[in-house]
Amino acid sequence: MAEEEFTDINGNSISLDCQTRSAFCREFTVTSPKLSLRKVMVYTCFVWLFAYAVFFFTENTTVLSSAIILTLAGMMIHIHFVKVDHETLLIIGSLGVQLSSFYASGRESTIFIEMNKLKDIVINEAVYMHGIIYYLCILIKDPADPETVTSVVPLFQSSKPRLNCLVQVYRSCQEILAQ
């Protein structure tokens, strides 16, 4: 399957790339938009103008130094812990599911769920603000009672794709789980 364009719940453009490795293995990659230089410049200018206004009245240079340090630290924290470039879901029929998040700083976060712990992959709905959003999630079964769900692991938490994108991933995952 080629890369397709979708939108997230906020209306931003995201892309879904589905790579079929074999009949029992597929990888889905949801790519979010890159960090906006315009937003970074607006926030930086706002903080620095506010700091300069405070400096103008107090004549304390610590205010300007603090504004620069806070801005740089805030950008570094945002890039390293918040801004996700892309998320992947790798499903291997007999082995399990691997979830990976790749951050703008290059940091990677990976979770692996063994197939014997996986009960199902479902599309769930949640009330968010004044609307309903849909999300794909993995149901983890209780080892003692296989009919009971012990936890829910949401997928694509940062990119938040809309239902039409989730349905494609869901159907493909169900094909592999049915085998």
N, C-alpha and C. Protein backbone atom coordinates (compact mmCIF):
# COMPACT_ATOMS: atom_id res chain seq x y z
N MET A 1 0.85 -1.17 0.00
CA MET A 1 0.00 0.00 0.00
C MET A 1 0.90 1.24 0.00
N ALA A 2 0.56 2.22 -0.76
CA ALA A 2 1.34 3.45 -0.83
C ALA A 2 0.98 4.36 0.33
N GLU A 3 1.75 5.41 0.46
CA GLU A 3 1.51 6.38 1.52
C GLU A 3 0.26 7.17 1.20
N GLU A 4 -0.63 7.31 2.19
CA GLU A 4 -1.87 8.05 2.01
C GLU A 4 -1.93 9.23 2.96
N GLU A 5 -2.58 10.29 2.54
CA GLU A 5 -2.74 11.48 3.36
C GLU A 5 -4.08 11.44 4.09
N PHE A 6 -4.04 11.78 5.37
CA PHE A 6 -5.24 11.88 6.20
C PHE A 6 -5.12 13.14 7.04
N THR A 7 -6.10 13.36 7.90
CA THR A 7 -6.01 14.46 8.86
C THR A 7 -6.17 13.90 10.26
N ASP A 8 -5.62 14.63 11.23
CA ASP A 8 -5.79 14.22 12.62
C ASP A 8 -7.04 14.89 13.18
N ILE A 9 -7.30 14.70 14.48
CA ILE A 9 -8.53 15.24 15.07
C ILE A 9 -8.54 16.76 15.11
N ASN A 10 -7.36 17.40 14.92
CA ASN A 10 -7.28 18.86 14.91
C ASN A 10 -7.31 19.43 13.50
N GLY A 11 -7.40 18.55 12.49
CA GLY A 11 -7.43 19.02 11.11
C GLY A 11 -6.07 19.14 10.45
N ASN A 12 -4.99 18.78 11.17
CA ASN A 12 -3.65 18.84 10.59
C ASN A 12 -3.42 17.63 9.69
N SER A 13 -2.62 17.81 8.66
CA SER A 13 -2.33 16.74 7.72
C SER A 13 -1.35 15.74 8.32
N ILE A 14 -1.68 14.45 8.21
CA ILE A 14 -0.79 13.37 8.61
C ILE A 14 -0.76 12.35 7.48
N SER A 15 0.25 11.49 7.48
CA SER A 15 0.30 10.47 6.43
C SER A 15 0.41 9.08 7.06
N LEU A 16 -0.20 8.11 6.38
CA LEU A 16 -0.15 6.71 6.79
C LEU A 16 0.58 5.92 5.72
N ASP A 17 1.61 5.21 6.14
CA ASP A 17 2.36 4.36 5.23
C ASP A 17 2.24 2.93 5.74
N CYS A 18 1.73 2.03 4.90
CA CYS A 18 1.58 0.63 5.27
C CYS A 18 2.55 -0.20 4.44
N GLN A 19 3.46 -0.88 5.12
CA GLN A 19 4.43 -1.75 4.46
C GLN A 19 4.08 -3.20 4.80
N THR A 20 3.80 -3.99 3.77
CA THR A 20 3.53 -5.41 3.98
C THR A 20 4.84 -6.15 3.84
N ARG A 21 5.34 -6.69 4.95
CA ARG A 21 6.61 -7.41 4.95
C ARG A 21 6.40 -8.86 4.50
N SER A 22 5.29 -9.46 4.91
CA SER A 22 4.91 -10.81 4.49
C SER A 22 3.42 -10.96 4.78
N ALA A 23 2.89 -12.15 4.56
CA ALA A 23 1.46 -12.37 4.82
C ALA A 23 1.14 -12.24 6.31
N PHE A 24 2.15 -12.42 7.17
CA PHE A 24 1.94 -12.38 8.62
C PHE A 24 2.56 -11.17 9.29
N CYS A 25 3.07 -10.23 8.51
CA CYS A 25 3.80 -9.09 9.07
C CYS A 25 3.50 -7.81 8.30
N ARG A 26 3.01 -6.79 9.02
CA ARG A 26 2.77 -5.48 8.42
C ARG A 26 3.25 -4.40 9.36
N GLU A 27 3.70 -3.32 8.76
CA GLU A 27 4.16 -2.17 9.55
C GLU A 27 3.40 -0.93 9.10
N PHE A 28 2.82 -0.23 10.06
CA PHE A 28 2.08 1.00 9.80
C PHE A 28 2.84 2.16 10.41
N THR A 29 3.06 3.20 9.64
CA THR A 29 3.76 4.39 10.12
C THR A 29 2.87 5.59 9.91
N VAL A 30 2.56 6.30 11.00
CA VAL A 30 1.80 7.53 10.93
C VAL A 30 2.77 8.68 11.20
N THR A 31 2.89 9.56 10.21
CA THR A 31 3.83 10.67 10.29
C THR A 31 3.08 11.97 10.54
N SER A 32 3.51 12.70 11.56
CA SER A 32 2.91 13.98 11.92
C SER A 32 3.64 15.11 11.21
N PRO A 33 3.01 16.29 11.14
CA PRO A 33 3.70 17.42 10.51
C PRO A 33 4.94 17.81 11.31
N LYS A 34 5.92 18.36 10.62
CA LYS A 34 7.16 18.79 11.26
C LYS A 34 6.89 19.98 12.18
N LEU A 35 7.86 20.26 13.03
CA LEU A 35 7.76 21.39 13.95
C LEU A 35 7.71 22.68 13.15
N SER A 36 6.76 23.53 13.44
CA SER A 36 6.56 24.77 12.71
C SER A 36 7.52 25.84 13.20
N LEU A 37 8.37 26.32 12.30
CA LEU A 37 9.31 27.38 12.63
C LEU A 37 8.57 28.67 12.98
N ARG A 38 7.44 28.90 12.32
CA ARG A 38 6.65 30.10 12.59
C ARG A 38 6.16 30.10 14.04
N LYS A 39 5.65 28.95 14.52
CA LYS A 39 5.18 28.88 15.91
C LYS A 39 6.32 29.13 16.89
N VAL A 40 7.47 28.52 16.62
CA VAL A 40 8.62 28.69 17.50
C VAL A 40 9.02 30.16 17.57
N MET A 41 9.04 30.82 16.42
CA MET A 41 9.42 32.25 16.38
C MET A 41 8.40 33.11 17.13
N VAL A 42 7.11 32.81 16.98
CA VAL A 42 6.07 33.60 17.66
C VAL A 42 6.20 33.46 19.17
N TYR A 43 6.35 32.22 19.65
CA TYR A 43 6.50 32.01 21.10
C TYR A 43 7.76 32.67 21.63
N THR A 44 8.84 32.54 20.91
CA THR A 44 10.11 33.13 21.33
C THR A 44 9.99 34.65 21.39
N CYS A 45 9.43 35.26 20.36
CA CYS A 45 9.26 36.72 20.34
C CYS A 45 8.36 37.18 21.47
N PHE A 46 7.28 36.45 21.72
CA PHE A 46 6.37 36.83 22.80
C PHE A 46 7.09 36.82 24.15
N VAL A 47 7.82 35.75 24.44
CA VAL A 47 8.52 35.64 25.72
C VAL A 47 9.58 36.73 25.84
N TRP A 48 10.33 36.96 24.77
CA TRP A 48 11.41 37.93 24.84
C TRP A 48 10.89 39.37 24.91
N LEU A 49 9.79 39.65 24.22
CA LEU A 49 9.20 40.99 24.32
C LEU A 49 8.65 41.24 25.72
N PHE A 50 8.02 40.22 26.29
CA PHE A 50 7.53 40.36 27.66
C PHE A 50 8.70 40.58 28.63
N ALA A 51 9.78 39.82 28.44
CA ALA A 51 10.97 39.99 29.30
C ALA A 51 11.59 41.37 29.12
N TYR A 52 11.60 41.86 27.88
CA TYR A 52 12.17 43.19 27.65
C TYR A 52 11.31 44.27 28.30
N ALA A 53 9.97 44.09 28.28
CA ALA A 53 9.08 45.05 28.94
C ALA A 53 9.33 45.06 30.44
N VAL A 54 9.50 43.89 31.03
CA VAL A 54 9.80 43.81 32.47
C VAL A 54 11.17 44.45 32.74
N PHE A 55 12.14 44.18 31.88
CA PHE A 55 13.48 44.76 32.03
C PHE A 55 13.42 46.29 31.93
N PHE A 56 12.58 46.79 31.04
CA PHE A 56 12.48 48.23 30.83
C PHE A 56 12.05 48.94 32.12
N PHE A 57 11.15 48.31 32.88
CA PHE A 57 10.67 48.94 34.12
C PHE A 57 11.55 48.63 35.31
N THR A 58 12.17 47.44 35.34
CA THR A 58 12.97 47.06 36.52
C THR A 58 14.46 47.29 36.34
N GLU A 59 14.92 47.38 35.10
CA GLU A 59 16.34 47.52 34.77
C GLU A 59 17.18 46.42 35.41
N ASN A 60 16.63 45.22 35.44
CA ASN A 60 17.30 44.05 36.00
C ASN A 60 17.64 43.11 34.84
N THR A 61 18.94 42.94 34.58
CA THR A 61 19.36 42.11 33.44
C THR A 61 19.09 40.62 33.65
N THR A 62 18.83 40.23 34.87
CA THR A 62 18.52 38.83 35.16
C THR A 62 17.24 38.40 34.43
N VAL A 63 16.32 39.35 34.26
CA VAL A 63 15.07 39.05 33.58
C VAL A 63 15.34 38.61 32.14
N LEU A 64 16.21 39.33 31.43
CA LEU A 64 16.52 38.98 30.04
C LEU A 64 17.25 37.64 29.96
N SER A 65 18.19 37.44 30.85
CA SER A 65 18.93 36.16 30.86
C SER A 65 17.99 35.00 31.15
N SER A 66 17.10 35.19 32.09
CA SER A 66 16.14 34.14 32.44
C SER A 66 15.22 33.82 31.27
N ALA A 67 14.79 34.85 30.54
CA ALA A 67 13.91 34.64 29.40
C ALA A 67 14.60 33.81 28.32
N ILE A 68 15.86 34.11 28.06
CA ILE A 68 16.61 33.35 27.05
C ILE A 68 16.78 31.90 27.50
N ILE A 69 17.16 31.69 28.74
CA ILE A 69 17.36 30.34 29.26
C ILE A 69 16.05 29.56 29.27
N LEU A 70 14.96 30.19 29.72
CA LEU A 70 13.66 29.53 29.74
C LEU A 70 13.19 29.16 28.34
N THR A 71 13.39 30.04 27.39
CA THR A 71 12.98 29.75 26.02
C THR A 71 13.75 28.57 25.45
N LEU A 72 15.06 28.59 25.62
CA LEU A 72 15.88 27.49 25.10
C LEU A 72 15.55 26.17 25.80
N ALA A 73 15.40 26.20 27.12
CA ALA A 73 15.06 24.99 27.87
C ALA A 73 13.68 24.48 27.46
N GLY A 74 12.72 25.37 27.28
CA GLY A 74 11.38 24.98 26.86
C GLY A 74 11.38 24.32 25.50
N MET A 75 12.15 24.88 24.56
CA MET A 75 12.23 24.29 23.22
C MET A 75 12.87 22.91 23.27
N MET A 76 13.93 22.77 24.06
CA MET A 76 14.61 21.47 24.16
C MET A 76 13.69 20.42 24.78
N ILE A 77 12.97 20.79 25.82
CA ILE A 77 12.04 19.86 26.47
C ILE A 77 10.93 19.47 25.49
N HIS A 78 10.40 20.44 24.77
CA HIS A 78 9.33 20.16 23.81
C HIS A 78 9.79 19.20 22.72
N ILE A 79 10.97 19.45 22.18
CA ILE A 79 11.49 18.61 21.10
C ILE A 79 11.83 17.20 21.60
N HIS A 80 12.33 17.10 22.82
CA HIS A 80 12.79 15.80 23.31
C HIS A 80 11.68 14.94 23.92
N PHE A 81 10.67 15.56 24.53
CA PHE A 81 9.66 14.78 25.25
C PHE A 81 8.25 14.89 24.67
N VAL A 82 7.95 15.91 23.87
CA VAL A 82 6.57 16.13 23.44
C VAL A 82 6.37 15.90 21.94
N LYS A 83 7.19 16.51 21.11
CA LYS A 83 6.99 16.49 19.66
C LYS A 83 7.38 15.16 19.05
N VAL A 84 6.38 14.39 18.64
CA VAL A 84 6.61 13.08 18.02
C VAL A 84 6.60 13.26 16.50
N ASP A 85 7.67 12.82 15.84
CA ASP A 85 7.76 12.88 14.38
C ASP A 85 6.87 11.84 13.72
N HIS A 86 7.03 10.59 14.15
CA HIS A 86 6.18 9.53 13.61
C HIS A 86 6.06 8.39 14.60
N GLU A 87 4.97 7.65 14.44
CA GLU A 87 4.68 6.49 15.28
C GLU A 87 4.51 5.28 14.38
N THR A 88 5.01 4.14 14.84
CA THR A 88 4.88 2.92 14.04
C THR A 88 4.20 1.82 14.85
N LEU A 89 3.47 0.99 14.13
CA LEU A 89 2.86 -0.21 14.67
C LEU A 89 3.32 -1.35 13.78
N LEU A 90 4.09 -2.26 14.35
CA LEU A 90 4.57 -3.43 13.62
C LEU A 90 3.87 -4.64 14.21
N ILE A 91 3.09 -5.33 13.38
CA ILE A 91 2.35 -6.49 13.86
C ILE A 91 2.88 -7.72 13.13
N ILE A 92 3.33 -8.69 13.92
CA ILE A 92 3.84 -9.95 13.40
C ILE A 92 2.94 -11.05 13.95
N GLY A 93 2.24 -11.73 13.05
CA GLY A 93 1.20 -12.69 13.40
C GLY A 93 1.51 -13.66 14.51
N SER A 94 2.65 -14.30 14.49
CA SER A 94 2.93 -15.33 15.49
C SER A 94 3.73 -14.82 16.67
N LEU A 95 4.23 -13.60 16.59
CA LEU A 95 5.15 -13.10 17.60
C LEU A 95 4.54 -12.05 18.53
N GLY A 96 4.01 -10.99 17.94
CA GLY A 96 3.45 -9.93 18.76
C GLY A 96 3.34 -8.61 18.03
N VAL A 97 3.21 -7.55 18.82
CA VAL A 97 3.02 -6.20 18.30
C VAL A 97 4.08 -5.30 18.92
N GLN A 98 4.72 -4.50 18.07
CA GLN A 98 5.70 -3.53 18.56
C GLN A 98 5.20 -2.13 18.25
N LEU A 99 5.19 -1.27 19.26
CA LEU A 99 4.77 0.12 19.12
C LEU A 99 6.00 1.00 19.32
N SER A 100 6.24 1.91 18.40
CA SER A 100 7.40 2.79 18.51
C SER A 100 6.98 4.23 18.27
N SER A 101 7.58 5.13 19.03
CA SER A 101 7.40 6.57 18.83
C SER A 101 8.77 7.18 18.62
N PHE A 102 8.90 7.99 17.58
CA PHE A 102 10.16 8.64 17.25
C PHE A 102 9.97 10.14 17.44
N TYR A 103 10.75 10.72 18.36
CA TYR A 103 10.62 12.12 18.72
C TYR A 103 11.48 13.00 17.82
N ALA A 104 11.18 14.30 17.79
CA ALA A 104 11.90 15.24 16.93
C ALA A 104 13.38 15.32 17.28
N SER A 105 13.74 15.00 18.51
CA SER A 105 15.14 15.07 18.93
C SER A 105 15.92 13.83 18.50
N GLY A 106 15.23 12.80 18.01
CA GLY A 106 15.89 11.56 17.65
C GLY A 106 15.66 10.45 18.68
N ARG A 107 15.08 10.80 19.81
CA ARG A 107 14.79 9.81 20.85
C ARG A 107 13.71 8.86 20.36
N GLU A 108 13.81 7.61 20.78
CA GLU A 108 12.85 6.59 20.37
C GLU A 108 12.31 5.87 21.60
N SER A 109 11.01 5.62 21.59
CA SER A 109 10.36 4.89 22.67
C SER A 109 9.66 3.68 22.05
N THR A 110 9.96 2.47 22.56
CA THR A 110 9.42 1.25 21.97
C THR A 110 8.80 0.36 23.04
N ILE A 111 7.66 -0.23 22.70
CA ILE A 111 6.96 -1.18 23.57
C ILE A 111 6.66 -2.42 22.74
N PHE A 112 6.87 -3.59 23.32
CA PHE A 112 6.55 -4.84 22.63
C PHE A 112 5.52 -5.60 23.45
N ILE A 113 4.48 -6.09 22.79
CA ILE A 113 3.44 -6.87 23.44
C ILE A 113 3.40 -8.23 22.76
N GLU A 114 3.62 -9.27 23.56
CA GLU A 114 3.61 -10.63 23.01
C GLU A 114 2.21 -11.02 22.57
N MET A 115 2.14 -11.87 21.56
CA MET A 115 0.85 -12.27 20.98
C MET A 115 -0.02 -13.02 22.00
N ASN A 116 0.60 -13.79 22.91
CA ASN A 116 -0.21 -14.53 23.89
C ASN A 116 -0.84 -13.61 24.94
N LYS A 117 -0.38 -12.37 25.06
CA LYS A 117 -0.98 -11.41 25.99
C LYS A 117 -2.05 -10.56 25.32
N LEU A 118 -2.07 -10.56 23.99
CA LEU A 118 -2.98 -9.73 23.22
C LEU A 118 -4.35 -10.40 23.09
N LYS A 119 -5.38 -9.71 23.52
CA LYS A 119 -6.73 -10.25 23.37
C LYS A 119 -7.30 -9.84 22.02
N ASP A 120 -7.20 -8.54 21.69
CA ASP A 120 -7.73 -8.05 20.43
C ASP A 120 -7.22 -6.63 20.18
N ILE A 121 -7.38 -6.17 18.95
CA ILE A 121 -7.13 -4.77 18.58
C ILE A 121 -8.48 -4.22 18.16
N VAL A 122 -8.89 -3.12 18.79
CA VAL A 122 -10.23 -2.57 18.55
C VAL A 122 -10.15 -1.06 18.32
N ILE A 123 -11.21 -0.53 17.72
CA ILE A 123 -11.38 0.92 17.64
C ILE A 123 -12.32 1.30 18.77
N ASN A 124 -11.85 2.18 19.62
CA ASN A 124 -12.63 2.62 20.77
C ASN A 124 -13.02 4.07 20.57
N GLU A 125 -14.00 4.53 21.33
CA GLU A 125 -14.39 5.93 21.25
C GLU A 125 -14.33 6.55 22.64
N ALA A 126 -14.06 7.87 22.65
CA ALA A 126 -13.96 8.57 23.91
C ALA A 126 -14.56 9.96 23.74
N VAL A 127 -15.10 10.49 24.83
CA VAL A 127 -15.60 11.85 24.83
C VAL A 127 -14.41 12.76 25.11
N TYR A 128 -14.19 13.71 24.21
CA TYR A 128 -13.05 14.63 24.32
C TYR A 128 -13.57 16.04 24.11
N MET A 129 -13.47 16.86 25.13
CA MET A 129 -14.02 18.22 25.11
C MET A 129 -15.53 18.12 24.83
N HIS A 130 -16.00 18.63 23.68
CA HIS A 130 -17.42 18.58 23.34
C HIS A 130 -17.68 17.67 22.15
N GLY A 131 -16.84 16.69 21.98
CA GLY A 131 -17.00 15.80 20.83
C GLY A 131 -16.55 14.39 21.17
N ILE A 132 -16.66 13.54 20.18
CA ILE A 132 -16.25 12.14 20.35
C ILE A 132 -15.08 11.89 19.42
N ILE A 133 -14.02 11.29 19.97
CA ILE A 133 -12.88 10.91 19.14
C ILE A 133 -12.76 9.40 19.16
N TYR A 134 -12.17 8.88 18.10
CA TYR A 134 -11.95 7.45 17.98
C TYR A 134 -10.45 7.19 18.07
N TYR A 135 -10.10 6.06 18.68
CA TYR A 135 -8.69 5.69 18.76
C TYR A 135 -8.57 4.18 18.68
N LEU A 136 -7.46 3.75 18.15
CA LEU A 136 -7.16 2.33 18.02
C LEU A 136 -6.46 1.90 19.30
N CYS A 137 -6.81 0.74 19.83
CA CYS A 137 -6.16 0.29 21.05
C CYS A 137 -6.03 -1.24 21.07
N ILE A 138 -5.07 -1.67 21.87
CA ILE A 138 -4.82 -3.09 22.06
C ILE A 138 -5.40 -3.48 23.41
N LEU A 139 -6.18 -4.54 23.43
CA LEU A 139 -6.72 -5.07 24.68
C LEU A 139 -5.78 -6.16 25.17
N ILE A 140 -5.30 -6.01 26.40
CA ILE A 140 -4.40 -6.98 27.01
C ILE A 140 -5.23 -7.88 27.91
N LYS A 141 -5.08 -9.21 27.72
CA LYS A 141 -5.89 -10.15 28.50
C LYS A 141 -5.20 -10.53 29.81
N ASP A 142 -6.03 -10.91 30.76
CA ASP A 142 -5.57 -11.35 32.07
C ASP A 142 -5.01 -12.77 31.93
N PRO A 143 -3.77 -13.02 32.41
CA PRO A 143 -3.22 -14.38 32.29
C PRO A 143 -4.04 -15.43 33.04
N ALA A 144 -4.66 -15.04 34.13
CA ALA A 144 -5.45 -15.99 34.92
C ALA A 144 -6.81 -16.29 34.27
N ASP A 145 -7.41 -15.26 33.68
CA ASP A 145 -8.72 -15.42 33.04
C ASP A 145 -8.66 -14.80 31.64
N PRO A 146 -8.46 -15.59 30.60
CA PRO A 146 -8.30 -15.06 29.24
C PRO A 146 -9.48 -14.27 28.70
N GLU A 147 -10.64 -14.40 29.31
CA GLU A 147 -11.82 -13.65 28.85
C GLU A 147 -11.85 -12.23 29.41
N THR A 148 -11.01 -11.93 30.40
CA THR A 148 -11.00 -10.63 31.06
C THR A 148 -9.89 -9.76 30.49
N VAL A 149 -10.19 -8.48 30.32
CA VAL A 149 -9.21 -7.51 29.84
C VAL A 149 -8.60 -6.81 31.05
N THR A 150 -7.27 -6.85 31.16
CA THR A 150 -6.60 -6.21 32.30
C THR A 150 -6.20 -4.78 32.00
N SER A 151 -5.83 -4.50 30.75
CA SER A 151 -5.44 -3.13 30.41
C SER A 151 -5.69 -2.85 28.94
N VAL A 152 -5.69 -1.57 28.64
CA VAL A 152 -5.90 -1.09 27.28
C VAL A 152 -4.70 -0.23 26.91
N VAL A 153 -4.07 -0.52 25.77
CA VAL A 153 -2.92 0.24 25.30
C VAL A 153 -3.34 1.02 24.05
N PRO A 154 -3.48 2.34 24.16
CA PRO A 154 -3.87 3.13 22.99
C PRO A 154 -2.72 3.24 21.99
N LEU A 155 -3.06 3.25 20.70
CA LEU A 155 -2.08 3.37 19.63
C LEU A 155 -2.16 4.76 19.01
N PHE A 156 -1.07 5.22 18.46
CA PHE A 156 -0.99 6.51 17.77
C PHE A 156 -1.51 7.65 18.66
N GLN A 157 -1.00 7.71 19.89
CA GLN A 157 -1.45 8.70 20.86
C GLN A 157 -1.09 10.13 20.48
N SER A 158 0.05 10.32 19.85
CA SER A 158 0.47 11.68 19.51
C SER A 158 -0.12 12.18 18.21
N SER A 159 -0.23 11.30 17.22
CA SER A 159 -0.72 11.75 15.91
C SER A 159 -2.25 11.86 15.86
N LYS A 160 -2.94 11.11 16.67
CA LYS A 160 -4.40 11.15 16.79
C LYS A 160 -5.11 11.17 15.43
N PRO A 161 -4.96 10.09 14.62
CA PRO A 161 -5.63 10.07 13.32
C PRO A 161 -7.14 9.95 13.45
N ARG A 162 -7.83 10.38 12.42
CA ARG A 162 -9.29 10.29 12.38
C ARG A 162 -9.73 8.86 12.08
N LEU A 163 -11.03 8.64 12.16
CA LEU A 163 -11.61 7.30 12.03
C LEU A 163 -11.28 6.63 10.69
N ASN A 164 -11.30 7.37 9.58
CA ASN A 164 -11.05 6.75 8.28
C ASN A 164 -9.64 6.15 8.18
N CYS A 165 -8.68 6.75 8.83
CA CYS A 165 -7.32 6.21 8.88
C CYS A 165 -7.27 5.00 9.81
N LEU A 166 -7.92 5.09 10.94
CA LEU A 166 -7.94 3.99 11.92
C LEU A 166 -8.60 2.74 11.35
N VAL A 167 -9.63 2.91 10.55
CA VAL A 167 -10.34 1.77 9.97
C VAL A 167 -9.41 0.97 9.06
N GLN A 168 -8.59 1.66 8.28
CA GLN A 168 -7.65 0.96 7.40
C GLN A 168 -6.65 0.13 8.21
N VAL A 169 -6.10 0.73 9.26
CA VAL A 169 -5.15 0.00 10.10
C VAL A 169 -5.84 -1.16 10.81
N TYR A 170 -7.03 -0.91 11.31
CA TYR A 170 -7.80 -1.95 12.02
C TYR A 170 -8.06 -3.16 11.13
N ARG A 171 -8.55 -2.93 9.93
CA ARG A 171 -8.86 -4.03 9.02
C ARG A 171 -7.62 -4.86 8.69
N SER A 172 -6.53 -4.18 8.47
CA SER A 172 -5.29 -4.87 8.14
C SER A 172 -4.79 -5.69 9.33
N CYS A 173 -4.90 -5.13 10.53
CA CYS A 173 -4.49 -5.86 11.74
C CYS A 173 -5.37 -7.08 11.97
N GLN A 174 -6.67 -6.94 11.73
CA GLN A 174 -7.58 -8.05 11.92
C GLN A 174 -7.30 -9.20 10.93
N GLU A 175 -6.86 -8.85 9.72
CA GLU A 175 -6.47 -9.89 8.75
C GLU A 175 -5.34 -10.74 9.31
N ILE A 176 -4.37 -10.09 9.91
CA ILE A 176 -3.22 -10.82 10.46
C ILE A 176 -3.61 -11.61 11.70
N LEU A 177 -4.42 -11.01 12.58
CA LEU A 177 -4.83 -11.72 13.80
C LEU A 177 -5.71 -12.91 13.50
N ALA A 178 -6.46 -12.87 12.39
CA ALA A 178 -7.36 -13.97 12.04
C ALA A 178 -6.59 -15.19 11.53
N GLN A 179 -5.36 -15.00 11.09
CA GLN A 179 -4.58 -16.11 10.50
C GLN A 179 -4.00 -17.01 11.58
